[in-house]
Amino acid sequence: MTTLNHTVESHTVFYLLGIPGLEDQHMWISIPFFIFYVTALLGNSLLIFIILTRSSLHGPMYLFLCMLAGADIVLSTSTVPQALAIFWFDAGEISLDRCITQLFFIHSTYISESGILLVMAFDRYIAICYPLRYTTILTNSLIGKIGVTIFLRSYGTIFPIIFLLKRLTFCKNNIIPHTLCQHIGLAKYACNNIRVNIWYGLSVLMLTVVLDVMLIFVSYVLILRAIFHMPSQNARHKAINTCGSHVCIIMLFYGPGIFTTLTQRFGHHIPPHIHILLANICILAPPMLNPIIYGIKTKQIQEQVVHVLFIKHK
């Protein structure tokens, strides 16, 4: 009688393929990836340096912007170097622990950015609706507490995913057709029931990003109502202008994500490499464009950038 061995080996090493179907174009695709990453690093680092070293920029709006720039650096660094290693050296091998670490930082940082955008909307609401109480409400102490709360919320909600993934046995496949690791993208290679992973991931999304979007929408409804009740057209124009940069960043951050979700849900005829490129755009575009948008639309930052880059070296 033959004895059957029911022991199932779990993969501890996975292979990221990059962008399947476009392997011949990897070198060309790496060029915009590299440019976006370098631009994001330089732009956000310069923004952080200017805000922290200029006392005139130590107001609430700029401190929140500094938090956003820091999150942008973490988000892009968690993803782009791995993608470039695949494109340049075909180095797609990644251990299970590294894969889980990467997706932990990607998801938690994304939630952090969403939380920062929410408090920036709250900042604009206070500035427009209660301008005389702005500095007394948004004190440095409160800003510090908000920063800690955002950090605890993002990392606290994603931390259980580590254990939800560690309990799984990955015996189906170890080839990941992507440039990065994602929670459900990794969990689907498990032989176990991943219903808990799916429901927990959905719950985190609803209680963080979706809730943030709803609260941002409410904030801007209140802001617009306050703007339309202003007696002076000049005052209305000035109030709208102060929200311009934030609105651009909100659209840049949530827009591609919503579009990607819709294409994954309903665009079954769309080639897989398009989905992967869209997922990368969601991560690449905001870190690169955020400092540019604020640099163009915010006069105080423009002046300080010119001072640091040009006047200082004359």
C-alpha atoms as a PDB file:
ATOM      1  CA  MET A   1       0.000   0.000   0.000  1.00  0.00           C
ATOM      2  CA  THR A   2       1.396   3.361  -1.034  1.00  0.00           C
ATOM      3  CA  THR A   3       1.641   6.044   1.636  1.00  0.00           C
ATOM      4  CA  LEU A   4       0.591   9.475   0.383  1.00  0.00           C
ATOM      5  CA  ASN A   5       2.522  12.462   1.577  1.00  0.00           C
ATOM      6  CA  HIS A   6       0.069  15.309   2.241  1.00  0.00           C
ATOM      7  CA  THR A   7       2.766  17.788   3.267  1.00  0.00           C
ATOM      8  CA  VAL A   8       2.554  20.837   1.058  1.00  0.00           C
ATOM      9  CA  GLU A   9       5.643  22.968   0.540  1.00  0.00           C
ATOM     10  CA  SER A  10       5.098  26.719   0.871  1.00  0.00           C
ATOM     11  CA  HIS A  11       7.050  29.018  -1.419  1.00  0.00           C
ATOM     12  CA  THR A  12       9.450  31.340   0.393  1.00  0.00           C
ATOM     13  CA  VAL A  13      10.805  32.969  -2.760  1.00  0.00           C
ATOM     14  CA  PHE A  14       8.793  34.732  -5.461  1.00  0.00           C
ATOM     15  CA  TYR A  15       9.672  36.168  -8.865  1.00  0.00           C
ATOM     16  CA  LEU A  16       8.390  39.547 -10.037  1.00  0.00           C
ATOM     17  CA  LEU A  17       8.138  39.615 -13.826  1.00  0.00           C
ATOM     18  CA  GLY A  18       7.890  43.380 -14.228  1.00  0.00           C
ATOM     19  CA  ILE A  19       5.385  44.134 -16.986  1.00  0.00           C
ATOM     20  CA  PRO A  20       4.491  40.875 -18.780  1.00  0.00           C
ATOM     21  CA  GLY A  21       3.985  41.344 -22.500  1.00  0.00           C
ATOM     22  CA  LEU A  22       6.355  44.296 -22.595  1.00  0.00           C
ATOM     23  CA  GLU A  23       9.586  42.539 -21.618  1.00  0.00           C
ATOM     24  CA  ASP A  24      11.309  43.798 -24.765  1.00  0.00           C
ATOM     25  CA  GLN A  25      10.402  47.362 -23.784  1.00  0.00           C
ATOM     26  CA  HIS A  26      11.615  47.165 -20.166  1.00  0.00           C
ATOM     27  CA  MET A  27      14.717  49.243 -20.837  1.00  0.00           C
ATOM     28  CA  TRP A  28      12.685  52.008 -22.456  1.00  0.00           C
ATOM     29  CA  ILE A  29      10.013  51.882 -19.747  1.00  0.00           C
ATOM     30  CA  SER A  30      12.734  52.242 -17.111  1.00  0.00           C
ATOM     31  CA  ILE A  31      13.650  55.716 -18.409  1.00  0.00           C
ATOM     32  CA  PRO A  32      10.441  57.499 -17.261  1.00  0.00           C
ATOM     33  CA  PHE A  33      10.473  55.421 -14.060  1.00  0.00           C
ATOM     34  CA  PHE A  34      13.995  56.645 -13.290  1.00  0.00           C
ATOM     35  CA  ILE A  35      13.202  60.273 -14.202  1.00  0.00           C
ATOM     36  CA  PHE A  36      10.018  60.245 -12.106  1.00  0.00           C
ATOM     37  CA  TYR A  37      11.874  58.751  -9.125  1.00  0.00           C
ATOM     38  CA  VAL A  38      14.818  61.172  -9.226  1.00  0.00           C
ATOM     39  CA  THR A  39      12.442  64.110  -9.658  1.00  0.00           C
ATOM     40  CA  ALA A  40      10.341  62.899  -6.718  1.00  0.00           C
ATOM     41  CA  LEU A  41      13.405  62.495  -4.476  1.00  0.00           C
ATOM     42  CA  LEU A  42      14.912  65.878  -5.360  1.00  0.00           C
ATOM     43  CA  GLY A  43      11.624  67.790  -5.335  1.00  0.00           C
ATOM     44  CA  ASN A  44      10.331  66.421  -2.053  1.00  0.00           C
ATOM     45  CA  SER A  45      13.715  66.597  -0.328  1.00  0.00           C
ATOM     46  CA  LEU A  46      14.070  70.249  -1.388  1.00  0.00           C
ATOM     47  CA  LEU A  47      10.543  70.959  -0.165  1.00  0.00           C
ATOM     48  CA  ILE A  48      11.239  69.394   3.235  1.00  0.00           C
ATOM     49  CA  PHE A  49      14.559  71.265   3.534  1.00  0.00           C
ATOM     50  CA  ILE A  50      12.982  74.625   2.691  1.00  0.00           C
ATOM     51  CA  ILE A  51      10.034  74.179   5.066  1.00  0.00           C
ATOM     52  CA  LEU A  52      12.155  72.999   7.993  1.00  0.00           C
ATOM     53  CA  THR A  53      14.868  75.653   7.595  1.00  0.00           C
ATOM     54  CA  ARG A  54      12.648  78.690   6.939  1.00  0.00           C
ATOM     55  CA  SER A  55      10.817  79.939  10.020  1.00  0.00           C
ATOM     56  CA  SER A  56       8.378  81.838   7.802  1.00  0.00           C
ATOM     57  CA  LEU A  57       7.127  78.468   6.504  1.00  0.00           C
ATOM     58  CA  HIS A  58       6.464  76.905   9.894  1.00  0.00           C
ATOM     59  CA  GLY A  59       2.716  77.430   9.577  1.00  0.00           C
ATOM     60  CA  PRO A  60       0.233  74.516   9.712  1.00  0.00           C
ATOM     61  CA  MET A  61      -0.273  74.278   5.930  1.00  0.00           C
ATOM     62  CA  TYR A  62       3.462  73.956   5.269  1.00  0.00           C
ATOM     63  CA  LEU A  63       4.018  71.466   8.088  1.00  0.00           C
ATOM     64  CA  PHE A  64       1.291  69.247   6.655  1.00  0.00           C
ATOM     65  CA  LEU A  65       2.922  69.650   3.248  1.00  0.00           C
ATOM     66  CA  CYS A  66       6.218  68.564   4.792  1.00  0.00           C
ATOM     67  CA  MET A  67       4.515  65.395   6.082  1.00  0.00           C
ATOM     68  CA  LEU A  68       3.126  64.745   2.598  1.00  0.00           C
ATOM     69  CA  ALA A  69       6.577  65.164   1.037  1.00  0.00           C
ATOM     70  CA  GLY A  70       8.059  62.685   3.518  1.00  0.00           C
ATOM     71  CA  ALA A  71       5.331  60.151   2.729  1.00  0.00           C
ATOM     72  CA  ASP A  72       5.957  60.658  -1.007  1.00  0.00           C
ATOM     73  CA  ILE A  73       9.639  59.788  -0.578  1.00  0.00           C
ATOM     74  CA  VAL A  74       8.788  56.610   1.363  1.00  0.00           C
ATOM     75  CA  LEU A  75       6.117  55.545  -1.157  1.00  0.00           C
ATOM     76  CA  SER A  76       8.311  55.995  -4.239  1.00  0.00           C
ATOM     77  CA  THR A  77      11.377  54.423  -2.564  1.00  0.00           C
ATOM     78  CA  SER A  78       9.303  51.385  -1.569  1.00  0.00           C
ATOM     79  CA  THR A  79       8.465  50.631  -5.196  1.00  0.00           C
ATOM     80  CA  VAL A  80      10.651  52.211  -7.881  1.00  0.00           C
ATOM     81  CA  PRO A  81      14.104  50.743  -6.989  1.00  0.00           C
ATOM     82  CA  GLN A  82      12.617  47.231  -7.144  1.00  0.00           C
ATOM     83  CA  ALA A  83      11.020  47.979 -10.527  1.00  0.00           C
ATOM     84  CA  LEU A  84      14.288  49.406 -11.890  1.00  0.00           C
ATOM     85  CA  ALA A  85      16.175  46.312 -10.707  1.00  0.00           C
ATOM     86  CA  ILE A  86      13.755  44.194 -12.743  1.00  0.00           C
ATOM     87  CA  PHE A  87      14.005  46.421 -15.817  1.00  0.00           C
ATOM     88  CA  TRP A  88      17.795  46.795 -15.770  1.00  0.00           C
ATOM     89  CA  PHE A  89      19.139  43.557 -14.287  1.00  0.00           C
ATOM     90  CA  ASP A  90      16.184  41.144 -14.523  1.00  0.00           C
ATOM     91  CA  ALA A  91      16.468  40.918 -10.724  1.00  0.00           C
ATOM     92  CA  GLY A  92      12.891  39.960  -9.952  1.00  0.00           C
ATOM     93  CA  GLU A  93      13.640  37.417  -7.246  1.00  0.00           C
ATOM     94  CA  ILE A  94      12.193  38.474  -3.900  1.00  0.00           C
ATOM     95  CA  SER A  95      11.814  36.572  -0.631  1.00  0.00           C
ATOM     96  CA  LEU A  96       8.430  36.233   1.036  1.00  0.00           C
ATOM     97  CA  ASP A  97       9.559  38.426   3.948  1.00  0.00           C
ATOM     98  CA  ARG A  98      10.795  41.164   1.591  1.00  0.00           C
ATOM     99  CA  CYS A  99       7.580  40.959  -0.402  1.00  0.00           C
ATOM    100  CA  ILE A 100       5.457  41.355   2.744  1.00  0.00           C
ATOM    101  CA  THR A 101       7.696  44.217   3.942  1.00  0.00           C
ATOM    102  CA  GLN A 102       7.302  46.007   0.616  1.00  0.00           C
ATOM    103  CA  LEU A 103       3.517  45.716   0.506  1.00  0.00           C
ATOM    104  CA  PHE A 104       3.340  46.783   4.171  1.00  0.00           C
ATOM    105  CA  PHE A 105       5.117  50.065   3.413  1.00  0.00           C
ATOM    106  CA  ILE A 106       3.217  50.617   0.149  1.00  0.00           C
ATOM    107  CA  HIS A 107      -0.236  50.169   1.701  1.00  0.00           C
ATOM    108  CA  SER A 108       0.510  51.956   4.978  1.00  0.00           C
ATOM    109  CA  THR A 109       2.156  54.930   3.250  1.00  0.00           C
ATOM    110  CA  TYR A 110      -0.751  55.210   0.819  1.00  0.00           C
ATOM    111  CA  ILE A 111      -3.146  55.378   3.778  1.00  0.00           C
ATOM    112  CA  SER A 112      -0.848  57.941   5.444  1.00  0.00           C
ATOM    113  CA  GLU A 113      -1.008  60.175   2.364  1.00  0.00           C
ATOM    114  CA  SER A 114      -4.785  59.878   2.317  1.00  0.00           C
ATOM    115  CA  GLY A 115      -4.905  60.934   5.977  1.00  0.00           C
ATOM    116  CA  ILE A 116      -2.575  63.877   5.332  1.00  0.00           C
ATOM    117  CA  LEU A 117      -4.782  65.067   2.461  1.00  0.00           C
ATOM    118  CA  LEU A 118      -7.760  64.911   4.830  1.00  0.00           C
ATOM    119  CA  VAL A 119      -6.086  67.076   7.482  1.00  0.00           C
ATOM    120  CA  MET A 120      -4.952  69.478   4.755  1.00  0.00           C
ATOM    121  CA  ALA A 121      -8.617  69.837   3.789  1.00  0.00           C
ATOM    122  CA  PHE A 122      -9.404  70.496   7.455  1.00  0.00           C
ATOM    123  CA  ASP A 123      -6.605  73.079   7.471  1.00  0.00           C
ATOM    124  CA  ARG A 124      -8.144  74.889   4.476  1.00  0.00           C
ATOM    125  CA  TYR A 125     -11.582  74.731   6.143  1.00  0.00           C
ATOM    126  CA  ILE A 126     -10.266  76.426   9.307  1.00  0.00           C
ATOM    127  CA  ALA A 127      -8.275  78.992   7.288  1.00  0.00           C
ATOM    128  CA  ILE A 128     -11.327  80.071   5.261  1.00  0.00           C
ATOM    129  CA  CYS A 129     -14.195  79.612   7.721  1.00  0.00           C
ATOM    130  CA  TYR A 130     -12.382  80.693  10.924  1.00  0.00           C
ATOM    131  CA  PRO A 131      -9.426  82.839   9.765  1.00  0.00           C
ATOM    132  CA  LEU A 132      -9.118  84.802  13.034  1.00  0.00           C
ATOM    133  CA  ARG A 133      -8.845  81.592  15.075  1.00  0.00           C
ATOM    134  CA  TYR A 134      -6.590  79.758  12.609  1.00  0.00           C
ATOM    135  CA  THR A 135      -3.349  79.866  14.611  1.00  0.00           C
ATOM    136  CA  THR A 136      -5.085  79.293  17.954  1.00  0.00           C
ATOM    137  CA  ILE A 137      -6.874  76.173  16.684  1.00  0.00           C
ATOM    138  CA  LEU A 138      -4.012  74.622  14.679  1.00  0.00           C
ATOM    139  CA  THR A 139      -1.252  74.878  17.261  1.00  0.00           C
ATOM    140  CA  ASN A 140       2.067  73.056  16.918  1.00  0.00           C
ATOM    141  CA  SER A 141       0.935  70.701  19.681  1.00  0.00           C
ATOM    142  CA  LEU A 142      -2.217  69.757  17.779  1.00  0.00           C
ATOM    143  CA  ILE A 143      -0.272  69.350  14.515  1.00  0.00           C
ATOM    144  CA  GLY A 144       2.117  66.967  16.289  1.00  0.00           C
ATOM    145  CA  LYS A 145      -0.791  64.927  17.666  1.00  0.00           C
ATOM    146  CA  ILE A 146      -2.392  64.805  14.214  1.00  0.00           C
ATOM    147  CA  GLY A 147       0.878  63.544  12.716  1.00  0.00           C
ATOM    148  CA  VAL A 148       1.151  60.769  15.346  1.00  0.00           C
ATOM    149  CA  THR A 149      -2.507  59.807  14.811  1.00  0.00           C
ATOM    150  CA  ILE A 150      -1.990  59.528  11.039  1.00  0.00           C
ATOM    151  CA  PHE A 151       1.093  57.362  11.613  1.00  0.00           C
ATOM    152  CA  LEU A 152      -0.661  55.070  14.113  1.00  0.00           C
ATOM    153  CA  ARG A 153      -3.764  54.733  11.939  1.00  0.00           C
ATOM    154  CA  SER A 154      -1.872  53.808   8.788  1.00  0.00           C
ATOM    155  CA  TYR A 155       0.649  51.407  10.286  1.00  0.00           C
ATOM    156  CA  GLY A 156      -1.805  50.036  12.862  1.00  0.00           C
ATOM    157  CA  THR A 157      -4.413  49.065  10.277  1.00  0.00           C
ATOM    158  CA  ILE A 158      -1.903  47.440   7.911  1.00  0.00           C
ATOM    159  CA  PHE A 159       0.146  45.628  10.593  1.00  0.00           C
ATOM    160  CA  PRO A 160      -2.365  42.716  10.974  1.00  0.00           C
ATOM    161  CA  ILE A 161      -1.953  41.972   7.265  1.00  0.00           C
ATOM    162  CA  ILE A 162       1.550  40.676   8.058  1.00  0.00           C
ATOM    163  CA  PHE A 163       0.058  37.921  10.229  1.00  0.00           C
ATOM    164  CA  LEU A 164      -2.808  37.287   7.804  1.00  0.00           C
ATOM    165  CA  LEU A 165      -0.227  36.586   5.089  1.00  0.00           C
ATOM    166  CA  LYS A 166       2.215  34.683   7.322  1.00  0.00           C
ATOM    167  CA  ARG A 167      -0.480  32.119   8.187  1.00  0.00           C
ATOM    168  CA  LEU A 168      -0.953  31.193   4.520  1.00  0.00           C
ATOM    169  CA  THR A 169       0.678  28.353   2.590  1.00  0.00           C
ATOM    170  CA  PHE A 170       1.824  29.573  -0.811  1.00  0.00           C
ATOM    171  CA  CYS A 171       1.748  26.435  -2.929  1.00  0.00           C
ATOM    172  CA  LYS A 172      -0.043  27.505  -6.122  1.00  0.00           C
ATOM    173  CA  ASN A 173       2.609  29.572  -7.865  1.00  0.00           C
ATOM    174  CA  ASN A 174       5.545  31.845  -7.105  1.00  0.00           C
ATOM    175  CA  ILE A 175       5.546  33.913 -10.308  1.00  0.00           C
ATOM    176  CA  ILE A 176       4.045  37.388  -9.792  1.00  0.00           C
ATOM    177  CA  PRO A 177       3.252  39.266 -13.040  1.00  0.00           C
ATOM    178  CA  HIS A 178       3.906  42.700 -11.567  1.00  0.00           C
ATOM    179  CA  THR A 179       6.651  45.135 -10.583  1.00  0.00           C
ATOM    180  CA  LEU A 180       5.684  45.108  -6.901  1.00  0.00           C
ATOM    181  CA  CYS A 181       3.988  43.084  -4.166  1.00  0.00           C
ATOM    182  CA  GLN A 182       0.397  43.757  -3.121  1.00  0.00           C
ATOM    183  CA  HIS A 183      -1.724  42.228  -0.368  1.00  0.00           C
ATOM    184  CA  ILE A 184      -4.385  40.364  -2.359  1.00  0.00           C
ATOM    185  CA  GLY A 185      -2.003  39.975  -5.304  1.00  0.00           C
ATOM    186  CA  LEU A 186       0.208  37.835  -3.038  1.00  0.00           C
ATOM    187  CA  ALA A 187      -2.587  36.166  -1.044  1.00  0.00           C
ATOM    188  CA  LYS A 188      -4.216  34.700  -4.169  1.00  0.00           C
ATOM    189  CA  TYR A 189      -1.231  32.343  -4.564  1.00  0.00           C
ATOM    190  CA  ALA A 190      -2.109  30.622  -1.293  1.00  0.00           C
ATOM    191  CA  CYS A 191      -3.844  27.253  -1.111  1.00  0.00           C
ATOM    192  CA  ASN A 192      -5.769  28.370   1.983  1.00  0.00           C
ATOM    193  CA  ASN A 193      -9.070  30.189   2.139  1.00  0.00           C
ATOM    194  CA  ILE A 194      -8.224  33.899   1.850  1.00  0.00           C
ATOM    195  CA  ARG A 195     -11.697  35.203   2.666  1.00  0.00           C
ATOM    196  CA  VAL A 196     -10.395  36.825   5.869  1.00  0.00           C
ATOM    197  CA  ASN A 197      -7.682  38.627   3.873  1.00  0.00           C
ATOM    198  CA  ILE A 198     -10.215  39.897   1.344  1.00  0.00           C
ATOM    199  CA  TRP A 199     -12.688  41.150   3.937  1.00  0.00           C
ATOM    200  CA  TYR A 200     -10.006  42.701   6.126  1.00  0.00           C
ATOM    201  CA  GLY A 201      -8.435  44.469   3.133  1.00  0.00           C
ATOM    202  CA  LEU A 202     -11.839  45.773   2.050  1.00  0.00           C
ATOM    203  CA  SER A 203     -12.640  46.937   5.597  1.00  0.00           C
ATOM    204  CA  VAL A 204      -9.335  48.824   5.860  1.00  0.00           C
ATOM    205  CA  LEU A 205      -9.974  50.482   2.493  1.00  0.00           C
ATOM    206  CA  MET A 206     -13.501  51.558   3.487  1.00  0.00           C
ATOM    207  CA  LEU A 207     -12.515  52.819   6.958  1.00  0.00           C
ATOM    208  CA  THR A 208      -9.483  54.787   5.765  1.00  0.00           C
ATOM    209  CA  VAL A 209      -9.286  55.906   2.129  1.00  0.00           C
ATOM    210  CA  VAL A 210     -13.027  55.858   1.332  1.00  0.00           C
ATOM    211  CA  LEU A 211     -13.872  57.558   4.632  1.00  0.00           C
ATOM    212  CA  ASP A 212     -11.168  60.169   3.971  1.00  0.00           C
ATOM    213  CA  VAL A 213     -12.623  60.917   0.520  1.00  0.00           C
ATOM    214  CA  MET A 214     -16.092  61.401   2.024  1.00  0.00           C
ATOM    215  CA  LEU A 215     -14.784  63.732   4.749  1.00  0.00           C
ATOM    216  CA  ILE A 216     -12.729  65.720   2.224  1.00  0.00           C
ATOM    217  CA  PHE A 217     -15.862  66.110   0.107  1.00  0.00           C
ATOM    218  CA  VAL A 218     -17.817  67.366   3.150  1.00  0.00           C
ATOM    219  CA  SER A 219     -14.985  69.777   4.000  1.00  0.00           C
ATOM    220  CA  TYR A 220     -15.049  71.307   0.527  1.00  0.00           C
ATOM    221  CA  VAL A 221     -18.827  71.594   0.531  1.00  0.00           C
ATOM    222  CA  LEU A 222     -18.507  73.671   3.716  1.00  0.00           C
ATOM    223  CA  ILE A 223     -15.593  75.631   2.239  1.00  0.00           C
ATOM    224  CA  LEU A 224     -17.526  76.457  -0.941  1.00  0.00           C
ATOM    225  CA  ARG A 225     -20.559  77.490   1.075  1.00  0.00           C
ATOM    226  CA  ALA A 226     -18.386  79.861   3.110  1.00  0.00           C
ATOM    227  CA  ILE A 227     -16.727  81.233  -0.056  1.00  0.00           C
ATOM    228  CA  PHE A 228     -20.047  81.994  -1.758  1.00  0.00           C
ATOM    229  CA  HIS A 229     -21.180  83.922   1.343  1.00  0.00           C
ATOM    230  CA  MET A 230     -18.157  86.227   1.209  1.00  0.00           C
ATOM    231  CA  PRO A 231     -19.162  89.813   0.377  1.00  0.00           C
ATOM    232  CA  SER A 232     -16.148  90.671  -1.804  1.00  0.00           C
ATOM    233  CA  GLN A 233     -15.327  89.050  -5.138  1.00  0.00           C
ATOM    234  CA  ASN A 234     -11.645  89.627  -4.431  1.00  0.00           C
ATOM    235  CA  ALA A 235     -11.976  87.742  -1.136  1.00  0.00           C
ATOM    236  CA  ARG A 236     -13.738  84.865  -2.911  1.00  0.00           C
ATOM    237  CA  HIS A 237     -11.015  84.692  -5.548  1.00  0.00           C
ATOM    238  CA  LYS A 238      -8.276  84.698  -2.904  1.00  0.00           C
ATOM    239  CA  ALA A 239     -10.026  81.953  -0.901  1.00  0.00           C
ATOM    240  CA  ILE A 240     -10.453  79.756  -3.980  1.00  0.00           C
ATOM    241  CA  ASN A 241      -6.809  80.307  -4.937  1.00  0.00           C
ATOM    242  CA  THR A 242      -5.603  79.086  -1.524  1.00  0.00           C
ATOM    243  CA  CYS A 243      -7.388  75.759  -2.145  1.00  0.00           C
ATOM    244  CA  GLY A 244      -6.134  75.330  -5.722  1.00  0.00           C
ATOM    245  CA  SER A 245      -2.970  73.364  -4.964  1.00  0.00           C
ATOM    246  CA  HIS A 246      -4.722  71.054  -2.533  1.00  0.00           C
ATOM    247  CA  VAL A 247      -7.554  70.300  -4.977  1.00  0.00           C
ATOM    248  CA  CYS A 248      -4.995  69.469  -7.716  1.00  0.00           C
ATOM    249  CA  ILE A 249      -3.172  67.067  -5.417  1.00  0.00           C
ATOM    250  CA  ILE A 250      -6.442  65.422  -4.316  1.00  0.00           C
ATOM    251  CA  MET A 251      -7.399  64.775  -7.941  1.00  0.00           C
ATOM    252  CA  LEU A 252      -3.887  63.523  -8.725  1.00  0.00           C
ATOM    253  CA  PHE A 253      -3.857  61.164  -5.722  1.00  0.00           C
ATOM    254  CA  TYR A 254      -7.356  59.678  -5.833  1.00  0.00           C
ATOM    255  CA  GLY A 255      -8.101  60.026  -9.573  1.00  0.00           C
ATOM    256  CA  PRO A 256      -5.735  57.352 -10.968  1.00  0.00           C
ATOM    257  CA  GLY A 257      -6.604  55.022  -8.069  1.00  0.00           C
ATOM    258  CA  ILE A 258     -10.338  55.250  -8.770  1.00  0.00           C
ATOM    259  CA  PHE A 259      -9.737  54.807 -12.500  1.00  0.00           C
ATOM    260  CA  THR A 260      -7.505  51.766 -11.868  1.00  0.00           C
ATOM    261  CA  THR A 261     -10.106  50.194  -9.576  1.00  0.00           C
ATOM    262  CA  LEU A 262     -12.814  50.671 -12.207  1.00  0.00           C
ATOM    263  CA  THR A 263     -10.681  49.208 -14.992  1.00  0.00           C
ATOM    264  CA  GLN A 264      -9.814  46.166 -12.862  1.00  0.00           C
ATOM    265  CA  ARG A 265     -13.471  45.668 -12.007  1.00  0.00           C
ATOM    266  CA  PHE A 266     -15.084  46.253 -15.395  1.00  0.00           C
ATOM    267  CA  GLY A 267     -12.262  46.363 -17.958  1.00  0.00           C
ATOM    268  CA  HIS A 268     -11.764  42.621 -18.399  1.00  0.00           C
ATOM    269  CA  HIS A 269     -10.875  43.151 -22.060  1.00  0.00           C
ATOM    270  CA  ILE A 270      -8.002  45.494 -21.153  1.00  0.00           C
ATOM    271  CA  PRO A 271      -4.558  43.796 -21.467  1.00  0.00           C
ATOM    272  CA  PRO A 272      -2.845  42.941 -18.134  1.00  0.00           C
ATOM    273  CA  HIS A 273       0.155  45.169 -18.859  1.00  0.00           C
ATOM    274  CA  ILE A 274      -2.167  48.206 -18.977  1.00  0.00           C
ATOM    275  CA  HIS A 275      -3.427  47.394 -15.471  1.00  0.00           C
ATOM    276  CA  ILE A 276       0.156  47.106 -14.223  1.00  0.00           C
ATOM    277  CA  LEU A 277       1.183  50.397 -15.837  1.00  0.00           C
ATOM    278  CA  LEU A 278      -1.856  52.151 -14.300  1.00  0.00           C
ATOM    279  CA  ALA A 279      -0.997  50.745 -10.870  1.00  0.00           C
ATOM    280  CA  ASN A 280       2.528  52.124 -11.221  1.00  0.00           C
ATOM    281  CA  ILE A 281       1.239  55.528 -12.353  1.00  0.00           C
ATOM    282  CA  CYS A 282      -0.819  55.715  -9.138  1.00  0.00           C
ATOM    283  CA  ILE A 283       2.423  55.417  -7.186  1.00  0.00           C
ATOM    284  CA  LEU A 284       4.800  57.321  -9.484  1.00  0.00           C
ATOM    285  CA  ALA A 285       2.804  60.421 -10.424  1.00  0.00           C
ATOM    286  CA  PRO A 286       1.825  61.992  -7.051  1.00  0.00           C
ATOM    287  CA  PRO A 287       5.337  61.965  -5.483  1.00  0.00           C
ATOM    288  CA  MET A 288       6.806  63.582  -8.603  1.00  0.00           C
ATOM    289  CA  LEU A 289       4.089  66.183  -9.232  1.00  0.00           C
ATOM    290  CA  ASN A 290       3.131  67.208  -5.673  1.00  0.00           C
ATOM    291  CA  PRO A 291       6.194  69.425  -5.032  1.00  0.00           C
ATOM    292  CA  ILE A 292       5.929  70.867  -8.554  1.00  0.00           C
ATOM    293  CA  ILE A 293       2.265  71.793  -8.061  1.00  0.00           C
ATOM    294  CA  TYR A 294       2.908  73.466  -4.712  1.00  0.00           C
ATOM    295  CA  GLY A 295       6.034  75.126  -6.059  1.00  0.00           C
ATOM    296  CA  ILE A 296       4.107  76.662  -8.962  1.00  0.00           C
ATOM    297  CA  LYS A 297       0.974  77.659  -7.056  1.00  0.00           C
ATOM    298  CA  THR A 298       2.468  78.813  -3.739  1.00  0.00           C
ATOM    299  CA  LYS A 299       4.320  82.132  -3.916  1.00  0.00           C
ATOM    300  CA  GLN A 300       6.130  81.693  -0.573  1.00  0.00           C
ATOM    301  CA  ILE A 301       7.611  78.370  -1.676  1.00  0.00           C
ATOM    302  CA  GLN A 302       8.563  79.828  -5.067  1.00  0.00           C
ATOM    303  CA  GLU A 303      10.502  82.618  -3.396  1.00  0.00           C
ATOM    304  CA  GLN A 304      12.345  80.266  -1.052  1.00  0.00           C
ATOM    305  CA  VAL A 305      13.240  77.848  -3.870  1.00  0.00           C
ATOM    306  CA  VAL A 306      14.675  80.718  -5.931  1.00  0.00           C
ATOM    307  CA  HIS A 307      16.605  81.919  -2.879  1.00  0.00           C
ATOM    308  CA  VAL A 308      18.070  78.478  -2.138  1.00  0.00           C
ATOM    309  CA  LEU A 309      18.906  77.477  -5.720  1.00  0.00           C
ATOM    310  CA  PHE A 310      20.013  80.770  -7.261  1.00  0.00           C
ATOM    311  CA  ILE A 311      20.472  83.789  -5.009  1.00  0.00           C
ATOM    312  CA  LYS A 312      22.381  81.843  -2.367  1.00  0.00           C
ATOM    313  CA  HIS A 313      25.034  80.781  -4.884  1.00  0.00           C
ATOM    314  CA  LYS A 314      25.683  84.211  -6.357  1.00  0.00           C
END
